[in-house]
Protein backbone atom coordinates (compact mmCIF):
# COMPACT_ATOMS: atom_id res chain seq x y z
CA MET A 1 -90.49 77.55 14.88
CA THR A 2 -91.89 74.33 12.81
CA ALA A 3 -89.69 75.12 9.62
CA LYS A 4 -86.70 75.72 11.46
CA ARG A 5 -87.20 72.24 13.26
CA MET A 6 -87.91 70.76 9.73
CA LYS A 7 -84.63 72.13 8.11
CA ILE A 8 -82.72 70.59 11.22
CA GLY A 9 -84.31 67.48 10.89
CA ALA A 10 -83.54 67.24 7.07
CA PHE A 11 -79.82 68.22 7.80
CA VAL A 12 -79.66 65.30 10.49
CA GLY A 13 -81.30 62.82 8.23
CA ALA A 14 -78.74 63.63 5.32
CA CYS A 15 -75.99 63.36 7.63
CA MET A 16 -77.31 59.91 8.75
CA PHE A 17 -77.84 58.93 5.42
CA LEU A 18 -74.25 59.84 4.53
CA CYS A 19 -72.91 58.03 7.30
CA LEU A 20 -74.78 54.69 6.43
CA ILE A 21 -73.09 55.08 2.95
CA CYS A 22 -69.84 55.70 3.91
CA CYS A 23 -70.01 52.83 6.69
CA GLY A 24 -71.53 50.15 4.01
CA TYR A 25 -68.74 51.00 1.65
CA LYS A 26 -66.07 50.49 4.26
CA GLU A 27 -67.70 47.14 5.42
CA GLN A 28 -67.28 45.88 1.70
CA GLU A 29 -63.59 46.29 1.44
CA MET A 30 -61.29 43.31 2.47
CA ASN A 31 -57.81 42.76 2.55
CA ILE A 32 -56.56 39.52 1.01
CA VAL A 33 -53.35 37.82 0.31
CA ILE A 34 -52.20 36.03 -3.11
CA VAL A 35 -49.49 33.36 -2.74
CA ASP A 36 -48.02 32.60 -6.18
CA GLY A 37 -45.05 30.38 -5.51
CA ARG A 38 -42.55 32.65 -3.49
CA VAL A 39 -44.24 35.84 -4.53
CA ARG A 40 -46.63 37.15 -1.96
CA THR A 41 -48.98 39.97 -3.00
CA GLU A 42 -51.16 42.01 -0.63
CA LEU A 43 -54.55 43.43 -2.04
CA THR A 44 -57.70 45.22 -0.94
CA VAL A 45 -60.94 44.10 -2.66
CA LYS A 46 -64.74 44.84 -2.26
CA ALA A 47 -66.74 41.95 -0.88
CA GLY A 48 -68.04 39.58 -3.31
CA THR A 49 -65.33 40.17 -6.04
CA THR A 50 -64.22 36.66 -7.68
CA VAL A 51 -60.81 35.06 -7.09
CA GLU A 52 -60.47 35.59 -10.88
CA ASP A 53 -61.48 39.32 -10.77
CA ALA A 54 -58.94 39.71 -7.61
CA LEU A 55 -56.11 38.28 -9.64
CA LEU A 56 -56.84 40.59 -12.52
CA GLN A 57 -56.77 43.42 -10.57
CA ALA A 58 -53.41 42.23 -9.04
CA GLU A 59 -52.30 41.72 -12.61
CA ILE A 60 -51.23 38.28 -11.94
CA PRO A 61 -51.84 36.09 -15.11
CA LEU A 62 -53.10 32.51 -14.92
CA ASN A 63 -52.86 29.83 -17.40
CA GLU A 64 -55.72 27.10 -18.14
CA GLN A 65 -53.86 24.44 -16.42
CA ASP A 66 -52.95 26.43 -13.23
CA LEU A 67 -54.85 25.55 -9.93
CA VAL A 68 -56.14 28.43 -7.69
CA SER A 69 -57.57 27.85 -4.25
CA PRO A 70 -59.98 28.71 -3.75
CA GLY A 71 -61.64 28.50 -7.04
CA ARG A 72 -61.46 31.00 -9.56
CA ASP A 73 -65.46 31.75 -9.31
CA ALA A 74 -65.65 31.84 -5.83
CA ALA A 75 -66.55 34.92 -4.10
CA ILE A 76 -64.33 36.46 -1.50
CA THR A 77 -66.70 37.08 1.64
CA ASP A 78 -63.94 37.05 4.37
CA ALA A 79 -61.50 39.10 5.27
CA ASP A 80 -57.93 37.90 5.35
CA THR A 81 -58.67 35.36 2.61
CA ASN A 82 -55.40 33.85 0.99
CA ILE A 83 -55.36 32.84 -2.64
CA VAL A 84 -52.98 30.17 -3.54
CA ILE A 85 -51.83 29.74 -6.89
CA SER A 86 -50.18 26.32 -7.99
CA ARG A 87 -48.58 26.87 -11.33
CA TYR A 88 -48.55 23.82 -13.93
CA ALA A 89 -45.55 23.43 -15.52
CA ARG A 90 -44.09 20.94 -18.16
CA VAL A 91 -39.99 20.65 -17.68
CA LYS A 92 -37.21 19.00 -19.40
CA VAL A 93 -34.56 17.39 -17.40
CA GLU A 94 -30.99 16.60 -18.85
CA ASP A 95 -29.27 14.29 -16.39
CA ASP A 96 -25.59 13.71 -17.51
CA GLY A 97 -26.78 13.02 -21.01
CA ALA A 98 -29.99 11.68 -20.50
CA SER A 99 -33.13 13.65 -21.23
CA HIS A 100 -36.57 13.29 -19.22
CA GLU A 101 -39.74 15.10 -19.26
CA VAL A 102 -42.23 15.56 -16.33
CA GLU A 103 -45.43 17.45 -15.72
CA LEU A 104 -46.21 18.76 -12.21
CA THR A 105 -48.52 21.52 -10.54
CA GLY A 106 -47.21 23.40 -8.05
CA GLY A 107 -44.14 21.51 -7.70
CA THR A 108 -40.45 22.28 -7.10
CA VAL A 109 -37.29 21.17 -8.96
CA ALA A 110 -36.88 18.35 -5.79
CA ASP A 111 -40.25 17.43 -6.67
CA ALA A 112 -39.63 16.97 -10.46
CA PHE A 113 -36.40 14.94 -9.39
CA ARG A 114 -38.55 12.50 -7.19
CA GLU A 115 -41.15 11.97 -9.80
CA LEU A 116 -38.48 10.83 -12.07
CA GLY A 117 -36.42 8.67 -9.70
CA ILE A 118 -33.44 10.92 -9.95
CA GLU A 119 -31.17 10.47 -6.85
CA LEU A 120 -28.32 13.33 -6.73
CA ASN A 121 -25.23 13.22 -4.47
CA PRO A 122 -24.03 16.27 -2.55
CA ARG A 123 -21.09 16.82 -5.51
CA ASP A 124 -23.76 17.10 -8.19
CA TYR A 125 -24.35 20.43 -10.02
CA VAL A 126 -27.69 21.45 -10.87
CA ASN A 127 -28.45 24.83 -12.49
CA HIS A 128 -31.67 25.73 -10.24
CA SER A 129 -32.14 25.30 -6.72
CA PRO A 130 -34.01 22.06 -5.68
CA GLU A 131 -36.31 24.09 -3.55
CA GLY A 132 -37.51 26.64 -6.32
CA PHE A 133 -40.60 26.33 -7.82
CA LEU A 134 -41.20 24.64 -11.38
CA GLU A 135 -41.99 27.06 -14.37
CA ASP A 136 -43.42 26.14 -17.58
CA GLY A 137 -41.00 25.14 -20.35
CA MET A 138 -38.07 25.28 -17.48
CA GLU A 139 -34.78 23.35 -18.61
CA ILE A 140 -32.90 21.57 -15.64
CA PHE A 141 -29.51 20.51 -16.09
CA VAL A 142 -27.66 17.86 -13.80
CA LEU A 143 -23.96 17.57 -14.24
CA ARG A 144 -22.80 14.35 -12.13
CA ARG A 145 -19.44 15.19 -10.34
CA ASN A 146 -17.42 12.92 -8.41
CA GLU A 147 -14.69 13.11 -5.90
CA VAL A 148 -11.73 11.31 -6.92
CA THR A 149 -8.06 10.76 -5.41
CA LEU A 150 -4.94 11.28 -7.65
CA VAL A 151 -1.44 9.78 -6.52
CA ASP A 152 0.98 11.21 -8.38
CA GLY A 153 3.89 11.87 -6.29
CA ASP A 154 1.83 13.79 -4.24
CA ARG A 155 -1.65 12.96 -3.20
CA ASN A 156 -4.78 15.11 -3.80
CA THR A 157 -8.56 14.82 -4.01
CA TYR A 158 -10.64 16.55 -6.61
CA VAL A 159 -14.48 17.25 -7.66
CA THR A 160 -14.94 16.53 -11.26
CA THR A 161 -17.61 16.15 -13.87
CA ALA A 162 -15.29 14.11 -16.14
CA ASP A 163 -16.60 10.80 -17.42
CA THR A 164 -13.42 8.73 -17.50
CA VAL A 165 -9.96 8.63 -16.17
CA LYS A 166 -8.55 10.35 -19.41
CA ASP A 167 -10.88 12.81 -19.42
CA PHE A 168 -10.20 13.77 -15.72
CA LEU A 169 -6.20 13.68 -16.40
CA GLU A 170 -7.00 16.10 -19.18
CA GLU A 171 -9.00 18.51 -17.19
CA GLN A 172 -6.30 18.41 -14.45
CA GLN A 173 -3.62 19.34 -17.09
CA VAL A 174 -2.00 15.90 -16.18
CA VAL A 175 0.57 15.00 -19.08
CA LEU A 176 1.74 11.31 -19.25
CA ASP A 177 4.89 10.07 -20.66
CA THR A 178 4.77 6.80 -22.95
CA LYS A 179 6.48 4.64 -20.34
CA ASP A 180 4.30 5.81 -17.30
CA ARG A 181 1.69 3.49 -15.68
CA ILE A 182 -1.69 4.54 -14.46
CA HIS A 183 -4.18 2.46 -12.39
CA PRO A 184 -7.06 1.91 -13.32
CA SER A 185 -6.60 2.05 -17.13
CA LEU A 186 -7.54 5.28 -19.05
CA ASP A 187 -11.03 4.25 -20.36
CA THR A 188 -12.27 3.44 -16.91
CA PRO A 189 -15.32 5.36 -16.22
CA LEU A 190 -15.05 7.63 -13.01
CA ALA A 191 -17.04 6.64 -9.76
CA GLY A 192 -17.04 8.52 -6.62
CA GLY A 193 -14.23 7.59 -4.17
CA MET A 194 -11.82 6.42 -6.94
CA GLU A 195 -8.45 6.32 -6.37
CA ILE A 196 -6.13 7.19 -9.51
CA VAL A 197 -2.32 6.15 -9.39
CA ILE A 198 0.17 7.37 -11.77
CA ASP A 199 3.70 5.74 -11.43
CA ARG A 200 6.35 7.86 -13.34
CA VAL A 201 8.66 5.60 -15.34
CA SER A 202 12.00 6.89 -17.04
CA VAL A 203 14.97 4.35 -18.63
CA ARG A 204 18.46 5.58 -18.31
CA ILE A 205 21.71 4.13 -19.67
CA VAL A 206 24.30 3.69 -17.17
CA LYS A 207 27.97 2.77 -17.40
CA GLU A 208 29.86 1.12 -14.67
CA ARG A 209 33.37 0.29 -14.22
CA GLU A 210 34.09 -3.38 -12.80
CA PRO A 211 37.33 -5.39 -12.26
CA ILE A 212 38.25 -8.43 -13.79
CA ALA A 213 40.04 -11.19 -11.46
CA PHE A 214 43.21 -12.44 -12.64
CA GLU A 215 43.56 -16.21 -13.39
CA LYS A 216 45.91 -18.71 -11.47
CA LYS A 217 48.19 -20.75 -13.57
CA VAL A 218 50.74 -23.50 -12.56
CA GLU A 219 53.89 -24.68 -14.23
CA TYR A 220 56.11 -27.48 -13.23
CA SER A 221 59.99 -27.64 -13.12
CA SER A 222 62.20 -30.40 -12.28
CA GLU A 223 64.44 -27.76 -10.90
CA LEU A 224 62.66 -27.57 -7.66
CA TYR A 225 62.04 -30.58 -5.45
CA ARG A 226 58.58 -31.54 -4.65
CA GLY A 227 56.83 -29.28 -1.99
CA GLU A 228 58.75 -26.14 -3.42
CA SER A 229 57.30 -23.49 -5.41
CA LYS A 230 57.69 -19.99 -6.24
CA GLU A 231 55.91 -17.31 -8.47
CA LYS A 232 57.09 -16.70 -11.72
CA THR A 233 54.48 -13.66 -12.60
CA ALA A 234 52.50 -11.79 -10.29
CA GLY A 235 48.51 -11.78 -11.13
CA VAL A 236 46.92 -8.33 -12.09
CA ASP A 237 43.23 -7.58 -12.31
CA GLY A 238 41.90 -6.33 -15.45
CA GLU A 239 38.98 -3.69 -15.76
CA LYS A 240 35.88 -3.78 -17.88
CA VAL A 241 33.13 -1.03 -18.64
CA ILE A 242 29.51 -2.48 -18.34
CA THR A 243 26.91 -0.65 -19.82
CA TYR A 244 23.50 -1.06 -18.14
CA GLU A 245 19.75 -0.26 -18.95
CA VAL A 246 18.15 0.86 -15.71
CA VAL A 247 14.37 1.28 -15.19
CA TYR A 248 13.48 3.81 -12.73
CA VAL A 249 9.79 3.78 -11.23
CA ASN A 250 9.03 6.95 -9.18
CA GLY A 251 12.75 7.77 -8.77
CA LYS A 252 13.46 4.08 -7.43
CA VAL A 253 15.33 1.37 -9.25
CA GLU A 254 13.02 -1.26 -10.67
CA LYS A 255 15.30 -3.23 -12.96
CA LYS A 256 18.88 -3.13 -14.02
CA THR A 257 20.06 -5.13 -17.34
CA ALA A 258 23.22 -5.29 -18.74
CA VAL A 259 23.22 -4.69 -22.40
CA ALA A 260 26.78 -4.40 -23.43
CA GLU A 261 30.37 -5.10 -21.86
CA LYS A 262 33.70 -3.89 -23.04
CA VAL A 263 36.98 -4.87 -21.95
CA VAL A 264 39.50 -1.79 -20.97
CA LYS A 265 42.56 -3.61 -19.25
CA GLU A 266 43.47 -7.23 -20.01
CA PRO A 267 43.93 -9.30 -16.58
CA VAL A 268 47.43 -10.66 -15.99
CA ALA A 269 47.54 -14.52 -15.14
CA GLN A 270 49.46 -15.40 -11.86
CA VAL A 271 52.06 -18.11 -12.69
CA ILE A 272 53.31 -20.39 -9.93
CA ILE A 273 56.13 -22.68 -10.63
CA GLU A 274 55.96 -26.01 -8.34
CA GLY A 275 58.79 -28.49 -8.30
CA THR A 276 58.66 -32.27 -9.46
CA LYS A 277 62.36 -33.31 -8.64
CA GLU A 278 62.51 -36.23 -5.96
CA LYS A 279 64.87 -36.23 -3.33
CA GLU A 280 67.64 -38.93 -2.71
CA ALA A 281 66.92 -41.59 -0.41
CA PRO A 282 69.10 -41.47 2.69
CA LYS A 283 71.97 -43.84 3.13
CA PRO A 284 71.68 -47.02 5.47
CA GLN A 285 72.91 -46.74 8.68
CA PRO A 286 75.04 -49.25 10.48
CA PRO A 287 73.43 -51.85 12.86
CA LYS A 288 72.24 -50.85 16.29
CA PRO A 289 73.95 -52.80 18.79
CA SER A 290 70.71 -53.32 20.60
CA ASN A 291 69.72 -55.68 17.74
CA ALA A 292 73.01 -57.45 17.38
CA ASN A 293 71.87 -60.65 19.21
CA LYS A 294 69.15 -61.30 16.64
CA LYS A 295 71.01 -62.56 14.19
CA ASP A 296 68.42 -64.62 12.09
CA GLU A 297 65.64 -61.85 12.19
CA PRO A 298 66.13 -58.37 10.10
CA TYR A 299 65.89 -55.13 11.99
CA ILE A 300 65.38 -51.45 11.29
CA VAL A 301 68.87 -49.88 10.52
CA SER A 302 67.25 -46.40 9.89
CA LYS A 303 64.09 -44.54 9.55
CA GLN A 304 64.33 -41.11 7.93
CA LYS A 305 61.34 -38.66 8.06
CA VAL A 306 60.68 -36.96 4.75
CA PRO A 307 58.24 -33.95 4.80
CA ASP A 308 55.46 -33.32 2.37
CA CYS A 309 56.62 -32.82 -0.95
CA ASP A 310 53.61 -32.81 -3.08
CA GLY A 311 51.38 -30.31 -1.20
CA SER A 312 48.92 -32.87 0.32
CA GLY A 313 49.86 -32.34 3.78
CA HIS A 314 51.43 -35.81 4.20
CA GLY A 315 55.13 -37.17 4.35
CA TYR A 316 56.52 -40.27 4.77
CA TYR A 317 59.27 -42.31 6.36
CA VAL A 318 61.97 -44.15 4.83
CA ILE A 319 62.73 -47.14 6.56
CA THR A 320 66.07 -49.21 5.89
CA TRP A 321 66.51 -52.95 7.26
CA SER A 322 69.36 -54.44 8.20
CA ASP A 323 68.84 -57.23 5.25
CA GLY A 324 68.90 -54.15 2.79
CA LYS A 325 65.14 -53.90 2.36
CA VAL A 326 64.07 -50.54 2.22
CA GLU A 327 60.21 -49.53 2.96
CA TYR A 328 58.10 -46.23 2.75
CA GLU A 329 55.60 -45.46 5.49
CA ASP A 330 53.32 -42.56 5.21
CA TYR A 331 52.39 -40.43 8.28
């Protein structure tokens, strides 16, 4: 009976020893998280494992200048420990032809821009996300892009990486004629919000027919009395062809210049004949009875009205007196 109890006791003791071993082993396992930039790694390690050994176990390499929190020699004694790696990076930034270098630990692309004092606008292109973590040897390229408006008949807005107005037009495959006008000039550097205006200019030669007014000439004839006239030759307008150089800007006439003229039909002058012949003076009239008692004073025998004869609009009277004197009086 005693031997049997001894066997039972030995068995129970062995079981308790194994249980203690198993329980002690489980208490030494710890779950940790390693954060390396955007990469998150979960790992189970034994209590007391150093951070550096945990990283080796997770096959995560470190460079000498990388920072680790907790430190590399720190022992892992707490469950749910987080190991955070901040990577050292020396990067090159090419900003629209200008080259920069910067060294940061645990920084992002946006941090590099802030460190260098580089400001971006929403239209600029960057070959890496601003939120991305820096990597040693990384090359970051910035392409500056401007929003410009082109007025060439139609009005359109573009986002471009061109440096000058000329580069932009070549980028958009806009062809200019030698006479076209552009504002601002082709060598002007592009800037955000710029408006580029193209005026399309064309020159045409245009021929137009125009009348030539006839002249008026006067001839005089003694066969007609003063105040009389007649047409000898009817006037006829001539015709000429004028050649114009016409400048059009965006389809509208800006300037019209005569460069040549040719008479295709000569005008015929109008000839008018006007009379110069004087009319005869009227014969004296017998004395009027009303003046018969005035023997010593002359009196008017007749007063003849002569109408306009020279085109002036005024005529005259021929007044004959009793003593034979003749006077003329305008009216």
